[in-house]
Every structure is written in structure tokens, then in C-alpha cells.
Amino acid sequence: MNTPNERPILYSGPLSMFGAKVQIAALEKGIDFELVMVPYDSARGYDPKHPEVLRINPKRQVPVWKQGPLEIFDSTQIFEYLETNPDQGRRFAAHMRAQQRRHD
């Protein structure tokens, strides 16, 4: 799969565990991305919703990963994309094996 050349954007929220999962994965892989935190209010939640989140995700929820024409809105699918696309940083499994060998 070809990766778009544009810098990725992650739309997340301060209370989104799924957004945090994607953010941590991208940081661990050394991916240079823009983080857009969708505002949250205890009375209104994530309302008003971010227009890009509304446009991309039919569930109207974060996280959303956007990179050029590529748009993914499920945290597991985003994680799998980051893990299987060689242009998206090192792979976790290989990185973990290397760390384990150092400790053996």
C-alpha cells in the first residue's frame, strides 16, 4: 500500500482511550504527525463535533487518522495500518524482539 506523502493528522479527544491508543502507537513508531484535540466539555461532551470527524466517521467519534486521501476512523484499523505499512515507522513486533534479545 502506498502511503500518502502528506503529514498525518490524528483527531483525538482528551478522554478518548481509543485516541490515546493510536497516539501512543504513532509516538512509539516515531511518526511525525499533527495531533488535533477535539474540545470536550463535561456538560456538552464533544459538542460541537469537529467538522473533519463528522465528515470522515459515520459514528461521529474520535479517533480519526487522515493522511492525504487516506482516512481511517477505527482505532484498531488505524493501529493495523500503522503496523502493516512499512512507511509508517518501525514495527512493534520486531522492536520488541530486539529488546527481548538484549535482556536474554
PDB file of N, CA and C in Angstrom:
ATOM      1  N   MET A   1       0.853  -1.175   0.000  1.00  0.00           N
ATOM      2  CA  MET A   1       0.000   0.000   0.000  1.00  0.00           C
ATOM      3  C   MET A   1       0.893   1.231   0.000  1.00  0.00           C
ATOM      4  N   ASN A   2       0.634   2.139  -0.903  1.00  0.00           N
ATOM      5  CA  ASN A   2       1.386   3.382  -0.915  1.00  0.00           C
ATOM      6  C   ASN A   2       0.843   4.321   0.140  1.00  0.00           C
ATOM      7  N   THR A   3       1.754   4.951   0.848  1.00  0.00           N
ATOM      8  CA  THR A   3       1.374   5.918   1.869  1.00  0.00           C
ATOM      9  C   THR A   3       1.354   7.299   1.255  1.00  0.00           C
ATOM     10  N   PRO A   4       0.297   8.059   1.482  1.00  0.00           N
ATOM     11  CA  PRO A   4       0.319   9.437   1.016  1.00  0.00           C
ATOM     12  C   PRO A   4       1.497  10.182   1.648  1.00  0.00           C
ATOM     13  N   ASN A   5       2.041  11.148   0.914  1.00  0.00           N
ATOM     14  CA  ASN A   5       3.216  11.865   1.385  1.00  0.00           C
ATOM     15  C   ASN A   5       2.915  12.947   2.400  1.00  0.00           C
ATOM     16  N   GLU A   6       1.668  13.304   2.569  1.00  0.00           N
ATOM     17  CA  GLU A   6       1.326  14.371   3.494  1.00  0.00           C
ATOM     18  C   GLU A   6       1.517  13.938   4.945  1.00  0.00           C
ATOM     19  N   ARG A   7       1.803  14.920   5.796  1.00  0.00           N
ATOM     20  CA  ARG A   7       1.944  14.658   7.228  1.00  0.00           C
ATOM     21  C   ARG A   7       0.575  14.212   7.776  1.00  0.00           C
ATOM     22  N   PRO A   8       0.526  13.100   8.486  1.00  0.00           N
ATOM     23  CA  PRO A   8      -0.749  12.618   9.010  1.00  0.00           C
ATOM     24  C   PRO A   8      -1.312  13.533  10.098  1.00  0.00           C
ATOM     25  N   ILE A   9      -2.626  13.496  10.224  1.00  0.00           N
ATOM     26  CA  ILE A   9      -3.325  14.220  11.277  1.00  0.00           C
ATOM     27  C   ILE A   9      -4.132  13.200  12.078  1.00  0.00           C
ATOM     28  N   LEU A  10      -3.979  13.233  13.390  1.00  0.00           N
ATOM     29  CA  LEU A  10      -4.785  12.410  14.282  1.00  0.00           C
ATOM     30  C   LEU A  10      -5.757  13.319  15.017  1.00  0.00           C
ATOM     31  N   TYR A  11      -7.045  13.069  14.826  1.00  0.00           N
ATOM     32  CA  TYR A  11      -8.080  13.763  15.586  1.00  0.00           C
ATOM     33  C   TYR A  11      -8.413  12.876  16.773  1.00  0.00           C
ATOM     34  N   SER A  12      -8.253  13.422  17.959  1.00  0.00           N
ATOM     35  CA  SER A  12      -8.496  12.669  19.181  1.00  0.00           C
ATOM     36  C   SER A  12      -9.204  13.576  20.173  1.00  0.00           C
ATOM     37  N   GLY A  13      -9.401  13.071  21.372  1.00  0.00           N
ATOM     38  CA  GLY A  13     -10.037  13.859  22.416  1.00  0.00           C
ATOM     39  C   GLY A  13      -9.402  13.565  23.758  1.00  0.00           C
ATOM     40  N   PRO A  14      -9.530  14.480  24.708  1.00  0.00           N
ATOM     41  CA  PRO A  14      -8.843  14.327  25.987  1.00  0.00           C
ATOM     42  C   PRO A  14      -9.294  13.119  26.802  1.00  0.00           C
ATOM     43  N   LEU A  15     -10.483  12.593  26.564  1.00  0.00           N
ATOM     44  CA  LEU A  15     -10.960  11.442  27.325  1.00  0.00           C
ATOM     45  C   LEU A  15     -11.066  10.178  26.483  1.00  0.00           C
ATOM     46  N   SER A  16     -10.537  10.211  25.269  1.00  0.00           N
ATOM     47  CA  SER A  16     -10.661   9.067  24.364  1.00  0.00           C
ATOM     48  C   SER A  16      -9.525   8.080  24.586  1.00  0.00           C
ATOM     49  N   MET A  17      -9.848   6.932  25.172  1.00  0.00           N
ATOM     50  CA  MET A  17      -8.839   5.879  25.342  1.00  0.00           C
ATOM     51  C   MET A  17      -8.416   5.321  23.986  1.00  0.00           C
ATOM     52  N   PHE A  18      -9.346   5.290  23.033  1.00  0.00           N
ATOM     53  CA  PHE A  18      -9.025   4.772  21.707  1.00  0.00           C
ATOM     54  C   PHE A  18      -8.101   5.747  20.964  1.00  0.00           C
ATOM     55  N   GLY A  19      -8.345   7.041  21.141  1.00  0.00           N
ATOM     56  CA  GLY A  19      -7.450   8.041  20.566  1.00  0.00           C
ATOM     57  C   GLY A  19      -6.067   7.955  21.189  1.00  0.00           C
ATOM     58  N   ALA A  20      -6.020   7.734  22.497  1.00  0.00           N
ATOM     59  CA  ALA A  20      -4.740   7.604  23.194  1.00  0.00           C
ATOM     60  C   ALA A  20      -3.965   6.394  22.673  1.00  0.00           C
ATOM     61  N   LYS A  21      -4.674   5.298  22.394  1.00  0.00           N
ATOM     62  CA  LYS A  21      -4.047   4.085  21.855  1.00  0.00           C
ATOM     63  C   LYS A  21      -3.332   4.405  20.541  1.00  0.00           C
ATOM     64  N   VAL A  22      -4.007   5.132  19.655  1.00  0.00           N
ATOM     65  CA  VAL A  22      -3.414   5.491  18.366  1.00  0.00           C
ATOM     66  C   VAL A  22      -2.258   6.469  18.560  1.00  0.00           C
ATOM     67  N   GLN A  23      -2.443   7.439  19.427  1.00  0.00           N
ATOM     68  CA  GLN A  23      -1.393   8.434  19.677  1.00  0.00           C
ATOM     69  C   GLN A  23      -0.131   7.760  20.212  1.00  0.00           C
ATOM     70  N   ILE A  24      -0.284   6.866  21.167  1.00  0.00           N
ATOM     71  CA  ILE A  24       0.866   6.157  21.732  1.00  0.00           C
ATOM     72  C   ILE A  24       1.565   5.321  20.658  1.00  0.00           C
ATOM     73  N   ALA A  25       0.785   4.622  19.848  1.00  0.00           N
ATOM     74  CA  ALA A  25       1.380   3.800  18.785  1.00  0.00           C
ATOM     75  C   ALA A  25       2.177   4.657  17.816  1.00  0.00           C
ATOM     76  N   ALA A  26       1.610   5.786  17.399  1.00  0.00           N
ATOM     77  CA  ALA A  26       2.303   6.659  16.451  1.00  0.00           C
ATOM     78  C   ALA A  26       3.579   7.236  17.071  1.00  0.00           C
ATOM     79  N   LEU A  27       3.515   7.632  18.331  1.00  0.00           N
ATOM     80  CA  LEU A  27       4.698   8.160  19.008  1.00  0.00           C
ATOM     81  C   LEU A  27       5.775   7.089  19.150  1.00  0.00           C
ATOM     82  N   GLU A  28       5.378   5.888  19.536  1.00  0.00           N
ATOM     83  CA  GLU A  28       6.341   4.794  19.701  1.00  0.00           C
ATOM     84  C   GLU A  28       7.012   4.427  18.381  1.00  0.00           C
ATOM     85  N   LYS A  29       6.279   4.585  17.283  1.00  0.00           N
ATOM     86  CA  LYS A  29       6.826   4.264  15.972  1.00  0.00           C
ATOM     87  C   LYS A  29       7.633   5.420  15.391  1.00  0.00           C
ATOM     88  N   GLY A  30       7.668   6.555  16.087  1.00  0.00           N
ATOM     89  CA  GLY A  30       8.445   7.694  15.627  1.00  0.00           C
ATOM     90  C   GLY A  30       7.825   8.425  14.450  1.00  0.00           C
ATOM     91  N   ILE A  31       6.504   8.360  14.319  1.00  0.00           N
ATOM     92  CA  ILE A  31       5.814   9.007  13.206  1.00  0.00           C
ATOM     93  C   ILE A  31       5.604  10.485  13.540  1.00  0.00           C
ATOM     94  N   ASP A  32       5.940  11.336  12.595  1.00  0.00           N
ATOM     95  CA  ASP A  32       5.715  12.770  12.732  1.00  0.00           C
ATOM     96  C   ASP A  32       4.273  13.049  12.295  1.00  0.00           C
ATOM     97  N   PHE A  33       3.407  13.370  13.237  1.00  0.00           N
ATOM     98  CA  PHE A  33       2.003  13.609  12.920  1.00  0.00           C
ATOM     99  C   PHE A  33       1.516  14.836  13.680  1.00  0.00           C
ATOM    100  N   GLU A  34       0.430  15.400  13.189  1.00  0.00           N
ATOM    101  CA  GLU A  34      -0.215  16.518  13.874  1.00  0.00           C
ATOM    102  C   GLU A  34      -1.343  15.961  14.738  1.00  0.00           C
ATOM    103  N   LEU A  35      -1.389  16.380  15.979  1.00  0.00           N
ATOM    104  CA  LEU A  35      -2.453  15.962  16.892  1.00  0.00           C
ATOM    105  C   LEU A  35      -3.453  17.097  17.034  1.00  0.00           C
ATOM    106  N   VAL A  36      -4.694  16.819  16.676  1.00  0.00           N
ATOM    107  CA  VAL A  36      -5.775  17.785  16.842  1.00  0.00           C
ATOM    108  C   VAL A  36      -6.683  17.253  17.950  1.00  0.00           C
ATOM    109  N   MET A  37      -6.650  17.940  19.087  1.00  0.00           N
ATOM    110  CA  MET A  37      -7.507  17.531  20.202  1.00  0.00           C
ATOM    111  C   MET A  37      -8.868  18.203  20.047  1.00  0.00           C
ATOM    112  N   VAL A  38      -9.886  17.387  19.881  1.00  0.00           N
ATOM    113  CA  VAL A  38     -11.250  17.887  19.748  1.00  0.00           C
ATOM    114  C   VAL A  38     -11.706  18.323  21.138  1.00  0.00           C
ATOM    115  N   PRO A  39     -12.179  19.557  21.276  1.00  0.00           N
ATOM    116  CA  PRO A  39     -12.562  20.055  22.607  1.00  0.00           C
ATOM    117  C   PRO A  39     -13.657  19.204  23.256  1.00  0.00           C
ATOM    118  N   TYR A  40     -13.540  19.091  24.566  1.00  0.00           N
ATOM    119  CA  TYR A  40     -14.515  18.340  25.360  1.00  0.00           C
ATOM    120  C   TYR A  40     -14.997  19.220  26.505  1.00  0.00           C
ATOM    121  N   ASP A  41     -16.292  19.161  26.766  1.00  0.00           N
ATOM    122  CA  ASP A  41     -16.894  19.901  27.875  1.00  0.00           C
ATOM    123  C   ASP A  41     -17.737  18.905  28.678  1.00  0.00           C
ATOM    124  N   SER A  42     -17.614  18.931  30.000  1.00  0.00           N
ATOM    125  CA  SER A  42     -18.330  17.938  30.817  1.00  0.00           C
ATOM    126  C   SER A  42     -19.843  18.030  30.665  1.00  0.00           C
ATOM    127  N   ALA A  43     -20.368  19.196  30.357  1.00  0.00           N
ATOM    128  CA  ALA A  43     -21.817  19.342  30.187  1.00  0.00           C
ATOM    129  C   ALA A  43     -22.280  18.946  28.783  1.00  0.00           C
ATOM    130  N   ARG A  44     -21.453  19.268  27.772  1.00  0.00           N
ATOM    131  CA  ARG A  44     -21.870  19.035  26.386  1.00  0.00           C
ATOM    132  C   ARG A  44     -21.129  17.893  25.706  1.00  0.00           C
ATOM    133  N   GLY A  45     -20.138  17.321  26.353  1.00  0.00           N
ATOM    134  CA  GLY A  45     -19.344  16.273  25.720  1.00  0.00           C
ATOM    135  C   GLY A  45     -18.508  16.846  24.600  1.00  0.00           C
ATOM    136  N   TYR A  46     -18.433  16.111  23.511  1.00  0.00           N
ATOM    137  CA  TYR A  46     -17.674  16.561  22.339  1.00  0.00           C
ATOM    138  C   TYR A  46     -18.587  17.337  21.389  1.00  0.00           C
ATOM    139  N   ASP A  47     -19.381  18.234  21.915  1.00  0.00           N
ATOM    140  CA  ASP A  47     -20.296  19.015  21.092  1.00  0.00           C
ATOM    141  C   ASP A  47     -19.928  20.489  21.202  1.00  0.00           C
ATOM    142  N   PRO A  48     -19.694  21.219  20.143  1.00  0.00           N
ATOM    143  CA  PRO A  48     -19.899  20.791  18.752  1.00  0.00           C
ATOM    144  C   PRO A  48     -18.795  19.851  18.290  1.00  0.00           C
ATOM    145  N   LYS A  49     -19.158  18.965  17.404  1.00  0.00           N
ATOM    146  CA  LYS A  49     -18.210  17.987  16.892  1.00  0.00           C
ATOM    147  C   LYS A  49     -17.319  18.639  15.833  1.00  0.00           C
ATOM    148  N   HIS A  50     -16.086  18.153  15.744  1.00  0.00           N
ATOM    149  CA  HIS A  50     -15.146  18.684  14.759  1.00  0.00           C
ATOM    150  C   HIS A  50     -15.660  18.334  13.356  1.00  0.00           C
ATOM    151  N   PRO A  51     -15.637  19.278  12.416  1.00  0.00           N
ATOM    152  CA  PRO A  51     -16.182  19.015  11.081  1.00  0.00           C
ATOM    153  C   PRO A  51     -15.489  17.876  10.336  1.00  0.00           C
ATOM    154  N   GLU A  52     -14.187  17.693  10.524  1.00  0.00           N
ATOM    155  CA  GLU A  52     -13.500  16.581   9.861  1.00  0.00           C
ATOM    156  C   GLU A  52     -13.924  15.243  10.443  1.00  0.00           C
ATOM    157  N   VAL A  53     -14.129  15.191  11.743  1.00  0.00           N
ATOM    158  CA  VAL A  53     -14.603  13.951  12.375  1.00  0.00           C
ATOM    159  C   VAL A  53     -15.998  13.616  11.845  1.00  0.00           C
ATOM    160  N   LEU A  54     -16.864  14.609  11.750  1.00  0.00           N
ATOM    161  CA  LEU A  54     -18.210  14.392  11.220  1.00  0.00           C
ATOM    162  C   LEU A  54     -18.173  13.903   9.777  1.00  0.00           C
ATOM    163  N   ARG A  55     -17.298  14.481   8.979  1.00  0.00           N
ATOM    164  CA  ARG A  55     -17.216  14.125   7.566  1.00  0.00           C
ATOM    165  C   ARG A  55     -16.665  12.714   7.358  1.00  0.00           C
ATOM    166  N   ILE A  56     -15.684  12.328   8.149  1.00  0.00           N
ATOM    167  CA  ILE A  56     -14.975  11.071   7.914  1.00  0.00           C
ATOM    168  C   ILE A  56     -15.630   9.886   8.618  1.00  0.00           C
ATOM    169  N   ASN A  57     -16.066  10.059   9.854  1.00  0.00           N
ATOM    170  CA  ASN A  57     -16.551   8.940  10.655  1.00  0.00           C
ATOM    171  C   ASN A  57     -18.074   8.944  10.759  1.00  0.00           C
ATOM    172  N   PRO A  58     -18.726   7.927  10.212  1.00  0.00           N
ATOM    173  CA  PRO A  58     -20.191   7.877  10.312  1.00  0.00           C
ATOM    174  C   PRO A  58     -20.681   7.750  11.762  1.00  0.00           C
ATOM    175  N   LYS A  59     -19.805   7.276  12.653  1.00  0.00           N
ATOM    176  CA  LYS A  59     -20.180   7.189  14.074  1.00  0.00           C
ATOM    177  C   LYS A  59     -19.971   8.514  14.795  1.00  0.00           C
ATOM    178  N   ARG A  60     -19.341   9.484  14.100  1.00  0.00           N
ATOM    179  CA  ARG A  60     -19.136  10.837  14.629  1.00  0.00           C
ATOM    180  C   ARG A  60     -18.258  10.859  15.882  1.00  0.00           C
ATOM    181  N   GLN A  61     -17.257   9.965  15.924  1.00  0.00           N
ATOM    182  CA  GLN A  61     -16.414   9.819  17.110  1.00  0.00           C
ATOM    183  C   GLN A  61     -14.940   9.900  16.730  1.00  0.00           C
ATOM    184  N   VAL A  62     -14.107  10.257  17.712  1.00  0.00           N
ATOM    185  CA  VAL A  62     -12.657  10.158  17.564  1.00  0.00           C
ATOM    186  C   VAL A  62     -12.257   8.754  18.005  1.00  0.00           C
ATOM    187  N   PRO A  63     -11.131   8.258  17.537  1.00  0.00           N
ATOM    188  CA  PRO A  63     -10.093   8.900  16.750  1.00  0.00           C
ATOM    189  C   PRO A  63     -10.356   8.791  15.249  1.00  0.00           C
ATOM    190  N   VAL A  64      -9.733   9.708  14.536  1.00  0.00           N
ATOM    191  CA  VAL A  64      -9.724   9.703  13.075  1.00  0.00           C
ATOM    192  C   VAL A  64      -8.289   9.966  12.642  1.00  0.00           C
ATOM    193  N   TRP A  65      -7.789   9.170  11.717  1.00  0.00           N
ATOM    194  CA  TRP A  65      -6.449   9.328  11.148  1.00  0.00           C
ATOM    195  C   TRP A  65      -6.621   9.778   9.707  1.00  0.00           C
ATOM    196  N   LYS A  66      -6.018  10.881   9.351  1.00  0.00           N
ATOM    197  CA  LYS A  66      -6.119  11.414   7.986  1.00  0.00           C
ATOM    198  C   LYS A  66      -4.715  11.682   7.482  1.00  0.00           C
ATOM    199  N   GLN A  67      -4.438  11.138   6.300  1.00  0.00           N
ATOM    200  CA  GLN A  67      -3.132  11.354   5.684  1.00  0.00           C
ATOM    201  C   GLN A  67      -3.355  11.431   4.175  1.00  0.00           C
ATOM    202  N   GLY A  68      -3.395  12.661   3.665  1.00  0.00           N
ATOM    203  CA  GLY A  68      -3.721  12.847   2.252  1.00  0.00           C
ATOM    204  C   GLY A  68      -5.117  12.318   1.996  1.00  0.00           C
ATOM    205  N   PRO A  69      -5.288  11.477   0.971  1.00  0.00           N
ATOM    206  CA  PRO A  69      -6.619  10.939   0.684  1.00  0.00           C
ATOM    207  C   PRO A  69      -7.029   9.790   1.616  1.00  0.00           C
ATOM    208  N   LEU A  70      -6.069   9.261   2.391  1.00  0.00           N
ATOM    209  CA  LEU A  70      -6.361   8.153   3.295  1.00  0.00           C
ATOM    210  C   LEU A  70      -7.068   8.665   4.549  1.00  0.00           C
ATOM    211  N   GLU A  71      -8.205   8.057   4.883  1.00  0.00           N
ATOM    212  CA  GLU A  71      -8.972   8.437   6.076  1.00  0.00           C
ATOM    213  C   GLU A  71      -9.445   7.163   6.771  1.00  0.00           C
ATOM    214  N   ILE A  72      -9.026   6.992   8.033  1.00  0.00           N
ATOM    215  CA  ILE A  72      -9.388   5.796   8.802  1.00  0.00           C
ATOM    216  C   ILE A  72      -9.986   6.262  10.121  1.00  0.00           C
ATOM    217  N   PHE A  73     -11.076   5.623  10.574  1.00  0.00           N
ATOM    218  CA  PHE A  73     -11.740   6.116  11.776  1.00  0.00           C
ATOM    219  C   PHE A  73     -11.925   5.095  12.883  1.00  0.00           C
ATOM    220  N   ASP A  74     -11.382   3.930  12.794  1.00  0.00           N
ATOM    221  CA  ASP A  74     -11.471   2.932  13.861  1.00  0.00           C
ATOM    222  C   ASP A  74     -10.074   2.724  14.428  1.00  0.00           C
ATOM    223  N   SER A  75      -9.930   2.791  15.756  1.00  0.00           N
ATOM    224  CA  SER A  75      -8.590   2.736  16.353  1.00  0.00           C
ATOM    225  C   SER A  75      -7.843   1.455  16.006  1.00  0.00           C
ATOM    226  N   THR A  76      -8.534   0.330  15.969  1.00  0.00           N
ATOM    227  CA  THR A  76      -7.869  -0.931  15.630  1.00  0.00           C
ATOM    228  C   THR A  76      -7.424  -0.922  14.180  1.00  0.00           C
ATOM    229  N   GLN A  77      -8.256  -0.401  13.288  1.00  0.00           N
ATOM    230  CA  GLN A  77      -7.867  -0.326  11.882  1.00  0.00           C
ATOM    231  C   GLN A  77      -6.712   0.654  11.687  1.00  0.00           C
ATOM    232  N   ILE A  78      -6.719   1.758  12.426  1.00  0.00           N
ATOM    233  CA  ILE A  78      -5.603   2.715  12.353  1.00  0.00           C
ATOM    234  C   ILE A  78      -4.324   2.025  12.821  1.00  0.00           C
ATOM    235  N   PHE A  79      -4.405   1.337  13.954  1.00  0.00           N
ATOM    236  CA  PHE A  79      -3.241   0.637  14.504  1.00  0.00           C
ATOM    237  C   PHE A  79      -2.719  -0.391  13.499  1.00  0.00           C
ATOM    238  N   GLU A  80      -3.621  -1.173  12.891  1.00  0.00           N
ATOM    239  CA  GLU A  80      -3.202  -2.177  11.911  1.00  0.00           C
ATOM    240  C   GLU A  80      -2.553  -1.519  10.699  1.00  0.00           C
ATOM    241  N   TYR A  81      -3.099  -0.400  10.263  1.00  0.00           N
ATOM    242  CA  TYR A  81      -2.484   0.336   9.146  1.00  0.00           C
ATOM    243  C   TYR A  81      -1.071   0.773   9.524  1.00  0.00           C
ATOM    244  N   LEU A  82      -0.908   1.341  10.706  1.00  0.00           N
ATOM    245  CA  LEU A  82       0.413   1.797  11.141  1.00  0.00           C
ATOM    246  C   LEU A  82       1.388   0.632  11.239  1.00  0.00           C
ATOM    247  N   GLU A  83       0.901  -0.529  11.635  1.00  0.00           N
ATOM    248  CA  GLU A  83       1.769  -1.686  11.831  1.00  0.00           C
ATOM    249  C   GLU A  83       2.119  -2.384  10.520  1.00  0.00           C
ATOM    250  N   THR A  84       1.218  -2.399   9.564  1.00  0.00           N
ATOM    251  CA  THR A  84       1.467  -3.165   8.340  1.00  0.00           C
ATOM    252  C   THR A  84       2.058  -2.332   7.216  1.00  0.00           C
ATOM    253  N   ASN A  85       2.042  -1.014   7.327  1.00  0.00           N
ATOM    254  CA  ASN A  85       2.574  -0.161   6.276  1.00  0.00           C
ATOM    255  C   ASN A  85       4.034   0.145   6.580  1.00  0.00           C
ATOM    256  N   PRO A  86       4.951  -0.308   5.731  1.00  0.00           N
ATOM    257  CA  PRO A  86       6.382  -0.118   6.027  1.00  0.00           C
ATOM    258  C   PRO A  86       6.815   1.342   6.079  1.00  0.00           C
ATOM    259  N   ASP A  87       6.036   2.236   5.495  1.00  0.00           N
ATOM    260  CA  ASP A  87       6.382   3.655   5.533  1.00  0.00           C
ATOM    261  C   ASP A  87       5.973   4.319   6.844  1.00  0.00           C
ATOM    262  N   GLN A  88       5.368   3.579   7.761  1.00  0.00           N
ATOM    263  CA  GLN A  88       4.850   4.160   8.996  1.00  0.00           C
ATOM    264  C   GLN A  88       5.693   3.777  10.210  1.00  0.00           C
ATOM    265  N   GLY A  89       7.000   3.833  10.089  1.00  0.00           N
ATOM    266  CA  GLY A  89       7.862   3.595  11.243  1.00  0.00           C
ATOM    267  C   GLY A  89       8.141   2.130  11.490  1.00  0.00           C
ATOM    268  N   ARG A  90       8.915   1.885  12.521  1.00  0.00           N
ATOM    269  CA  ARG A  90       9.317   0.512  12.832  1.00  0.00           C
ATOM    270  C   ARG A  90       8.113  -0.312  13.296  1.00  0.00           C
ATOM    271  N   ARG A  91       8.233  -1.594  13.125  1.00  0.00           N
ATOM    272  CA  ARG A  91       7.166  -2.494  13.536  1.00  0.00           C
ATOM    273  C   ARG A  91       7.358  -2.873  14.997  1.00  0.00           C
ATOM    274  N   PHE A  92       6.254  -2.954  15.712  1.00  0.00           N
ATOM    275  CA  PHE A  92       6.332  -3.267  17.135  1.00  0.00           C
ATOM    276  C   PHE A  92       6.927  -4.643  17.385  1.00  0.00           C
ATOM    277  N   ALA A  93       6.505  -5.633  16.647  1.00  0.00           N
ATOM    278  CA  ALA A  93       6.975  -6.991  16.914  1.00  0.00           C
ATOM    279  C   ALA A  93       8.492  -7.075  16.786  1.00  0.00           C
ATOM    280  N   ALA A  94       9.050  -6.519  15.723  1.00  0.00           N
ATOM    281  CA  ALA A  94      10.499  -6.562  15.532  1.00  0.00           C
ATOM    282  C   ALA A  94      11.204  -5.776  16.625  1.00  0.00           C
ATOM    283  N   HIS A  95      10.668  -4.636  16.981  1.00  0.00           N
ATOM    284  CA  HIS A  95      11.237  -3.806  18.033  1.00  0.00           C
ATOM    285  C   HIS A  95      11.219  -4.560  19.370  1.00  0.00           C
ATOM    286  N   MET A  96      10.125  -5.230  19.662  1.00  0.00           N
ATOM    287  CA  MET A  96      10.014  -5.979  20.923  1.00  0.00           C
ATOM    288  C   MET A  96      10.996  -7.149  20.953  1.00  0.00           C
ATOM    289  N   ARG A  97      11.134  -7.850  19.810  1.00  0.00           N
ATOM    290  CA  ARG A  97      12.085  -8.972  19.763  1.00  0.00           C
ATOM    291  C   ARG A  97      13.505  -8.474  20.009  1.00  0.00           C
ATOM    292  N   ALA A  98      13.858  -7.340  19.435  1.00  0.00           N
ATOM    293  CA  ALA A  98      15.201  -6.790  19.634  1.00  0.00           C
ATOM    294  C   ALA A  98      15.423  -6.437  21.099  1.00  0.00           C
ATOM    295  N   GLN A  99      14.418  -5.856  21.733  1.00  0.00           N
ATOM    296  CA  GLN A  99      14.543  -5.537  23.163  1.00  0.00           C
ATOM    297  C   GLN A  99      14.685  -6.807  23.991  1.00  0.00           C
ATOM    298  N   GLN A 100      13.910  -7.840  23.649  1.00  0.00           N
ATOM    299  CA  GLN A 100      13.968  -9.085  24.403  1.00  0.00           C
ATOM    300  C   GLN A 100      15.340  -9.732  24.270  1.00  0.00           C
ATOM    301  N   ARG A 101      15.929  -9.700  23.072  1.00  0.00           N
ATOM    302  CA  ARG A 101      17.264 -10.283  22.871  1.00  0.00           C
ATOM    303  C   ARG A 101      18.299  -9.574  23.737  1.00  0.00           C
ATOM    304  N   ARG A 102      18.150  -8.271  23.920  1.00  0.00           N
ATOM    305  CA  ARG A 102      19.095  -7.518  24.757  1.00  0.00           C
ATOM    306  C   ARG A 102      19.002  -7.956  26.207  1.00  0.00           C
ATOM    307  N   HIS A 103      17.825  -8.423  26.639  1.00  0.00           N
ATOM    308  CA  HIS A 103      17.640  -8.796  28.030  1.00  0.00           C
ATOM    309  C   HIS A 103      17.902 -10.275  28.286  1.00  0.00           C
ATOM    310  N   ASP A 104      18.035 -11.056  27.215  1.00  0.00           N
ATOM    311  CA  ASP A 104      18.293 -12.510  27.374  1.00  0.00           C
ATOM    312  C   ASP A 104      19.746 -12.760  27.734  1.00  0.00           C
TER     313      ASP A 104
END
